[in-house]
Amino acid sequence: MLKIEAIFRPERVSAVAESLLAAGVTGFHYQNVTGQGQQKGVEVVTGRGGQTTTRSASSKTLLVTVISNDKKDAVVEAIVSASRTGEIGDGKIFVTEISDTIRVRTGEAGESAI
């Protein structure tokens, strides 16, 4: 089993969710986060005079799902194709191994609990 964590632009969340559903992933959650990567912040216009300032942190969405190993390539491709704009700040995907999963309601363990 694999845990996929994807950080991407908040305006792409609907496209990513649709793409994951099309790839057969029905269980995932996402949340709005703020952070700094290689982009090193964004310029924003503030005040009535139109002054620009640089905010070191930018808004992103963090999506998390756990999948079986055989779905890895399809899920990564679904996220990349739905979130890519071709500009700095498109995000990152992290893939990690999961040793076990337990469904609380039934007590099922392993891949059947996904």
N, C-alpha and C. Protein backbone atom coordinates (compact mmCIF):
# COMPACT_ATOMS: atom_id res chain seq x y z
N MET A 1 0.84 -1.18 0.00
CA MET A 1 0.00 0.00 0.00
C MET A 1 0.88 1.23 0.00
N LEU A 2 0.37 2.28 -0.62
CA LEU A 2 1.10 3.53 -0.74
C LEU A 2 0.25 4.70 -0.27
N LYS A 3 0.91 5.66 0.35
CA LYS A 3 0.26 6.90 0.73
C LYS A 3 0.72 7.97 -0.25
N ILE A 4 -0.22 8.63 -0.88
CA ILE A 4 0.08 9.70 -1.82
C ILE A 4 -0.31 11.02 -1.15
N GLU A 5 0.65 11.94 -1.05
CA GLU A 5 0.38 13.28 -0.57
C GLU A 5 0.74 14.24 -1.70
N ALA A 6 -0.23 15.03 -2.12
CA ALA A 6 -0.02 15.95 -3.22
C ALA A 6 -0.31 17.37 -2.76
N ILE A 7 0.60 18.28 -3.07
CA ILE A 7 0.42 19.70 -2.78
C ILE A 7 0.30 20.40 -4.12
N PHE A 8 -0.78 21.16 -4.29
CA PHE A 8 -1.01 21.83 -5.57
C PHE A 8 -1.82 23.10 -5.37
N ARG A 9 -2.06 23.82 -6.45
CA ARG A 9 -2.80 25.09 -6.41
C ARG A 9 -4.25 24.84 -5.99
N PRO A 10 -4.79 25.69 -5.10
CA PRO A 10 -6.15 25.49 -4.63
C PRO A 10 -7.21 25.53 -5.73
N GLU A 11 -6.98 26.30 -6.76
CA GLU A 11 -7.97 26.40 -7.84
C GLU A 11 -8.05 25.13 -8.69
N ARG A 12 -7.14 24.19 -8.49
CA ARG A 12 -7.12 22.94 -9.26
C ARG A 12 -7.77 21.78 -8.52
N VAL A 13 -8.34 22.02 -7.32
CA VAL A 13 -8.84 20.92 -6.49
C VAL A 13 -9.98 20.16 -7.16
N SER A 14 -10.89 20.84 -7.82
CA SER A 14 -12.00 20.15 -8.49
C SER A 14 -11.50 19.26 -9.63
N ALA A 15 -10.57 19.77 -10.41
CA ALA A 15 -10.02 18.99 -11.52
C ALA A 15 -9.27 17.77 -11.01
N VAL A 16 -8.51 17.92 -9.92
CA VAL A 16 -7.77 16.80 -9.36
C VAL A 16 -8.74 15.75 -8.80
N ALA A 17 -9.78 16.19 -8.09
CA ALA A 17 -10.75 15.25 -7.53
C ALA A 17 -11.44 14.47 -8.63
N GLU A 18 -11.86 15.13 -9.70
CA GLU A 18 -12.49 14.44 -10.83
C GLU A 18 -11.54 13.44 -11.47
N SER A 19 -10.29 13.83 -11.61
CA SER A 19 -9.28 12.97 -12.22
C SER A 19 -9.02 11.73 -11.36
N LEU A 20 -9.00 11.90 -10.04
CA LEU A 20 -8.81 10.76 -9.15
C LEU A 20 -10.00 9.80 -9.21
N LEU A 21 -11.20 10.34 -9.23
CA LEU A 21 -12.39 9.49 -9.34
C LEU A 21 -12.37 8.70 -10.64
N ALA A 22 -11.94 9.34 -11.73
CA ALA A 22 -11.84 8.65 -13.02
C ALA A 22 -10.77 7.55 -12.99
N ALA A 23 -9.75 7.73 -12.15
CA ALA A 23 -8.68 6.73 -12.01
C ALA A 23 -9.05 5.62 -11.04
N GLY A 24 -10.24 5.70 -10.43
CA GLY A 24 -10.69 4.64 -9.54
C GLY A 24 -10.40 4.86 -8.08
N VAL A 25 -9.98 6.06 -7.70
CA VAL A 25 -9.71 6.37 -6.30
C VAL A 25 -10.95 7.05 -5.73
N THR A 26 -11.58 6.39 -4.75
CA THR A 26 -12.79 6.96 -4.18
C THR A 26 -12.57 7.56 -2.80
N GLY A 27 -11.48 7.21 -2.14
CA GLY A 27 -11.22 7.71 -0.80
C GLY A 27 -10.02 8.63 -0.76
N PHE A 28 -10.26 9.89 -0.46
CA PHE A 28 -9.19 10.85 -0.28
C PHE A 28 -9.72 12.02 0.52
N HIS A 29 -8.84 12.79 1.08
CA HIS A 29 -9.25 14.03 1.74
C HIS A 29 -8.25 15.12 1.39
N TYR A 30 -8.71 16.35 1.50
CA TYR A 30 -7.83 17.47 1.21
C TYR A 30 -8.13 18.60 2.17
N GLN A 31 -7.12 19.46 2.32
CA GLN A 31 -7.25 20.62 3.19
C GLN A 31 -6.42 21.77 2.64
N ASN A 32 -6.82 22.97 2.99
CA ASN A 32 -6.07 24.15 2.57
C ASN A 32 -4.90 24.35 3.52
N VAL A 33 -3.74 24.59 2.97
CA VAL A 33 -2.52 24.79 3.75
C VAL A 33 -1.80 26.03 3.24
N THR A 34 -0.88 26.52 4.04
CA THR A 34 -0.05 27.65 3.65
C THR A 34 1.40 27.26 3.87
N GLY A 35 2.25 27.59 2.91
CA GLY A 35 3.65 27.23 3.07
C GLY A 35 4.53 27.90 2.03
N GLN A 36 5.79 27.54 2.07
CA GLN A 36 6.76 28.13 1.16
C GLN A 36 7.61 27.03 0.55
N GLY A 37 7.78 27.10 -0.76
CA GLY A 37 8.63 26.15 -1.46
C GLY A 37 9.68 26.91 -2.25
N GLN A 38 10.08 26.36 -3.39
CA GLN A 38 11.06 27.02 -4.23
C GLN A 38 10.53 28.33 -4.81
N GLN A 39 9.21 28.47 -4.83
CA GLN A 39 8.58 29.68 -5.36
C GLN A 39 8.95 30.90 -4.51
N LYS A 40 9.23 30.68 -3.24
CA LYS A 40 9.63 31.72 -2.28
C LYS A 40 8.60 32.84 -2.17
N GLY A 41 7.32 32.47 -2.14
CA GLY A 41 6.28 33.45 -1.90
C GLY A 41 5.69 34.03 -3.17
N VAL A 42 4.76 34.96 -2.97
CA VAL A 42 4.08 35.60 -4.09
C VAL A 42 4.01 37.09 -3.85
N GLU A 43 3.92 37.85 -4.94
CA GLU A 43 3.73 39.29 -4.83
C GLU A 43 2.24 39.58 -4.79
N VAL A 44 1.83 40.42 -3.85
CA VAL A 44 0.43 40.80 -3.74
C VAL A 44 0.32 42.32 -3.74
N VAL A 45 -0.79 42.81 -4.27
CA VAL A 45 -1.06 44.24 -4.28
C VAL A 45 -1.87 44.57 -3.04
N THR A 46 -1.39 45.54 -2.27
CA THR A 46 -2.08 45.91 -1.04
C THR A 46 -2.41 47.39 -1.02
N GLY A 47 -3.45 47.72 -0.30
CA GLY A 47 -3.80 49.12 -0.09
C GLY A 47 -4.39 49.79 -1.32
N ARG A 48 -4.81 51.02 -1.12
CA ARG A 48 -5.45 51.77 -2.19
C ARG A 48 -4.44 52.30 -3.20
N GLY A 49 -3.21 52.44 -2.79
CA GLY A 49 -2.19 52.97 -3.69
C GLY A 49 -1.61 51.94 -4.63
N GLY A 50 -1.99 50.70 -4.47
CA GLY A 50 -1.49 49.65 -5.34
C GLY A 50 -0.07 49.24 -5.06
N GLN A 51 0.38 49.38 -3.82
CA GLN A 51 1.72 48.97 -3.47
C GLN A 51 1.82 47.45 -3.51
N THR A 52 2.96 46.96 -3.95
CA THR A 52 3.16 45.51 -3.98
C THR A 52 4.07 45.11 -2.83
N THR A 53 3.74 43.99 -2.22
CA THR A 53 4.58 43.40 -1.18
C THR A 53 4.73 41.93 -1.49
N THR A 54 5.72 41.31 -0.91
CA THR A 54 5.94 39.88 -1.11
C THR A 54 5.55 39.13 0.15
N ARG A 55 4.64 38.17 -0.01
CA ARG A 55 4.29 37.27 1.09
C ARG A 55 5.15 36.04 0.94
N SER A 56 5.82 35.65 2.02
CA SER A 56 6.73 34.51 1.93
C SER A 56 5.99 33.19 1.78
N ALA A 57 4.74 33.11 2.26
CA ALA A 57 3.98 31.87 2.18
C ALA A 57 2.85 32.03 1.17
N SER A 58 2.53 30.94 0.49
CA SER A 58 1.43 30.98 -0.46
C SER A 58 0.43 29.87 -0.14
N SER A 59 -0.81 30.06 -0.56
CA SER A 59 -1.88 29.10 -0.29
C SER A 59 -1.78 27.93 -1.25
N LYS A 60 -1.93 26.74 -0.71
CA LYS A 60 -1.92 25.50 -1.49
C LYS A 60 -2.99 24.57 -0.94
N THR A 61 -3.23 23.47 -1.64
CA THR A 61 -4.12 22.42 -1.16
C THR A 61 -3.29 21.16 -0.98
N LEU A 62 -3.50 20.47 0.14
CA LEU A 62 -2.83 19.20 0.42
C LEU A 62 -3.86 18.09 0.32
N LEU A 63 -3.65 17.17 -0.59
CA LEU A 63 -4.53 16.02 -0.79
C LEU A 63 -3.81 14.77 -0.32
N VAL A 64 -4.52 13.89 0.42
CA VAL A 64 -3.93 12.66 0.94
C VAL A 64 -4.84 11.49 0.58
N THR A 65 -4.24 10.41 0.08
CA THR A 65 -4.98 9.18 -0.18
C THR A 65 -4.06 7.99 0.03
N VAL A 66 -4.65 6.84 0.32
CA VAL A 66 -3.90 5.59 0.43
C VAL A 66 -4.44 4.65 -0.63
N ILE A 67 -3.54 4.07 -1.43
CA ILE A 67 -3.93 3.24 -2.57
C ILE A 67 -3.14 1.94 -2.57
N SER A 68 -3.58 1.01 -3.38
CA SER A 68 -2.80 -0.22 -3.57
C SER A 68 -1.65 0.09 -4.53
N ASN A 69 -0.59 -0.70 -4.42
CA ASN A 69 0.63 -0.45 -5.21
C ASN A 69 0.38 -0.41 -6.71
N ASP A 70 -0.55 -1.23 -7.20
CA ASP A 70 -0.76 -1.31 -8.64
C ASP A 70 -1.43 -0.06 -9.23
N LYS A 71 -1.96 0.82 -8.39
CA LYS A 71 -2.60 2.04 -8.88
C LYS A 71 -1.67 3.25 -8.90
N LYS A 72 -0.43 3.07 -8.46
CA LYS A 72 0.49 4.20 -8.29
C LYS A 72 0.64 5.03 -9.55
N ASP A 73 1.00 4.42 -10.67
CA ASP A 73 1.27 5.19 -11.88
C ASP A 73 0.03 5.93 -12.37
N ALA A 74 -1.13 5.28 -12.31
CA ALA A 74 -2.37 5.91 -12.77
C ALA A 74 -2.75 7.09 -11.88
N VAL A 75 -2.56 6.95 -10.57
CA VAL A 75 -2.93 8.02 -9.65
C VAL A 75 -1.98 9.20 -9.78
N VAL A 76 -0.69 8.93 -9.85
CA VAL A 76 0.28 10.02 -10.01
C VAL A 76 0.02 10.76 -11.32
N GLU A 77 -0.21 10.04 -12.39
CA GLU A 77 -0.50 10.68 -13.68
C GLU A 77 -1.79 11.49 -13.63
N ALA A 78 -2.80 10.98 -12.93
CA ALA A 78 -4.07 11.71 -12.80
C ALA A 78 -3.86 13.03 -12.07
N ILE A 79 -3.07 13.02 -11.00
CA ILE A 79 -2.82 14.25 -10.25
C ILE A 79 -1.99 15.23 -11.07
N VAL A 80 -0.94 14.74 -11.71
CA VAL A 80 -0.07 15.60 -12.50
C VAL A 80 -0.84 16.24 -13.65
N SER A 81 -1.61 15.45 -14.38
CA SER A 81 -2.31 16.00 -15.54
C SER A 81 -3.39 17.00 -15.14
N ALA A 82 -4.00 16.81 -13.96
CA ALA A 82 -5.07 17.72 -13.53
C ALA A 82 -4.54 18.98 -12.86
N SER A 83 -3.33 18.93 -12.31
CA SER A 83 -2.84 20.07 -11.56
C SER A 83 -1.77 20.90 -12.28
N ARG A 84 -1.23 20.40 -13.36
CA ARG A 84 -0.13 21.08 -14.04
C ARG A 84 -0.62 22.30 -14.83
N THR A 85 0.02 23.45 -14.57
CA THR A 85 -0.21 24.65 -15.38
C THR A 85 1.03 24.99 -16.18
N GLY A 86 2.16 24.42 -15.80
CA GLY A 86 3.42 24.70 -16.48
C GLY A 86 4.19 25.86 -15.89
N GLU A 87 3.72 26.39 -14.76
CA GLU A 87 4.39 27.52 -14.13
C GLU A 87 4.92 27.12 -12.76
N ILE A 88 5.82 27.94 -12.23
CA ILE A 88 6.36 27.69 -10.90
C ILE A 88 5.21 27.71 -9.90
N GLY A 89 5.22 26.75 -8.96
CA GLY A 89 4.18 26.69 -7.94
C GLY A 89 3.11 25.67 -8.21
N ASP A 90 3.31 24.80 -9.22
CA ASP A 90 2.31 23.77 -9.52
C ASP A 90 2.21 22.73 -8.41
N GLY A 91 3.26 22.52 -7.65
CA GLY A 91 3.18 21.62 -6.51
C GLY A 91 4.15 20.45 -6.56
N LYS A 92 3.91 19.50 -5.64
CA LYS A 92 4.75 18.30 -5.52
C LYS A 92 3.86 17.14 -5.12
N ILE A 93 4.35 15.92 -5.40
CA ILE A 93 3.68 14.70 -5.00
C ILE A 93 4.69 13.86 -4.22
N PHE A 94 4.27 13.37 -3.05
CA PHE A 94 5.11 12.52 -2.22
C PHE A 94 4.46 11.15 -2.12
N VAL A 95 5.26 10.09 -2.33
CA VAL A 95 4.76 8.72 -2.27
C VAL A 95 5.53 7.99 -1.18
N THR A 96 4.80 7.41 -0.21
CA THR A 96 5.44 6.68 0.88
C THR A 96 4.76 5.33 1.07
N GLU A 97 5.52 4.38 1.60
CA GLU A 97 5.00 3.04 1.88
C GLU A 97 4.15 3.06 3.15
N ILE A 98 3.08 2.30 3.15
CA ILE A 98 2.23 2.13 4.33
C ILE A 98 2.32 0.66 4.73
N SER A 99 2.63 0.39 5.99
CA SER A 99 2.81 -1.00 6.41
C SER A 99 1.47 -1.69 6.69
N ASP A 100 0.46 -0.96 7.14
CA ASP A 100 -0.82 -1.59 7.42
C ASP A 100 -1.92 -0.55 7.46
N THR A 101 -3.13 -0.99 7.23
CA THR A 101 -4.33 -0.16 7.33
C THR A 101 -5.39 -0.97 8.05
N ILE A 102 -6.09 -0.34 8.97
CA ILE A 102 -7.16 -1.01 9.70
C ILE A 102 -8.43 -0.17 9.58
N ARG A 103 -9.51 -0.80 9.14
CA ARG A 103 -10.80 -0.12 9.10
C ARG A 103 -11.42 -0.24 10.49
N VAL A 104 -11.68 0.87 11.11
CA VAL A 104 -12.16 0.90 12.50
C VAL A 104 -13.52 0.22 12.63
N ARG A 105 -14.44 0.48 11.72
CA ARG A 105 -15.80 -0.03 11.82
C ARG A 105 -15.86 -1.55 11.81
N THR A 106 -15.10 -2.21 10.92
CA THR A 106 -15.20 -3.66 10.76
C THR A 106 -14.00 -4.43 11.30
N GLY A 107 -12.89 -3.76 11.52
CA GLY A 107 -11.69 -4.44 11.97
C GLY A 107 -10.88 -5.04 10.83
N GLU A 108 -11.31 -4.85 9.57
CA GLU A 108 -10.55 -5.36 8.43
C GLU A 108 -9.17 -4.74 8.42
N ALA A 109 -8.19 -5.49 7.93
CA ALA A 109 -6.82 -4.99 7.88
C ALA A 109 -6.25 -5.22 6.48
N GLY A 110 -5.19 -4.49 6.18
CA GLY A 110 -4.52 -4.64 4.91
C GLY A 110 -5.25 -3.95 3.77
N GLU A 111 -5.03 -4.44 2.55
CA GLU A 111 -5.61 -3.80 1.37
C GLU A 111 -7.13 -3.84 1.34
N SER A 112 -7.74 -4.83 2.00
CA SER A 112 -9.20 -4.86 2.02
C SER A 112 -9.79 -3.71 2.83
N ALA A 113 -8.98 -3.09 3.67
CA ALA A 113 -9.45 -1.95 4.47
C ALA A 113 -9.38 -0.63 3.72
N ILE A 114 -8.73 -0.65 2.56
CA ILE A 114 -8.65 0.58 1.76
C ILE A 114 -10.01 0.81 1.17
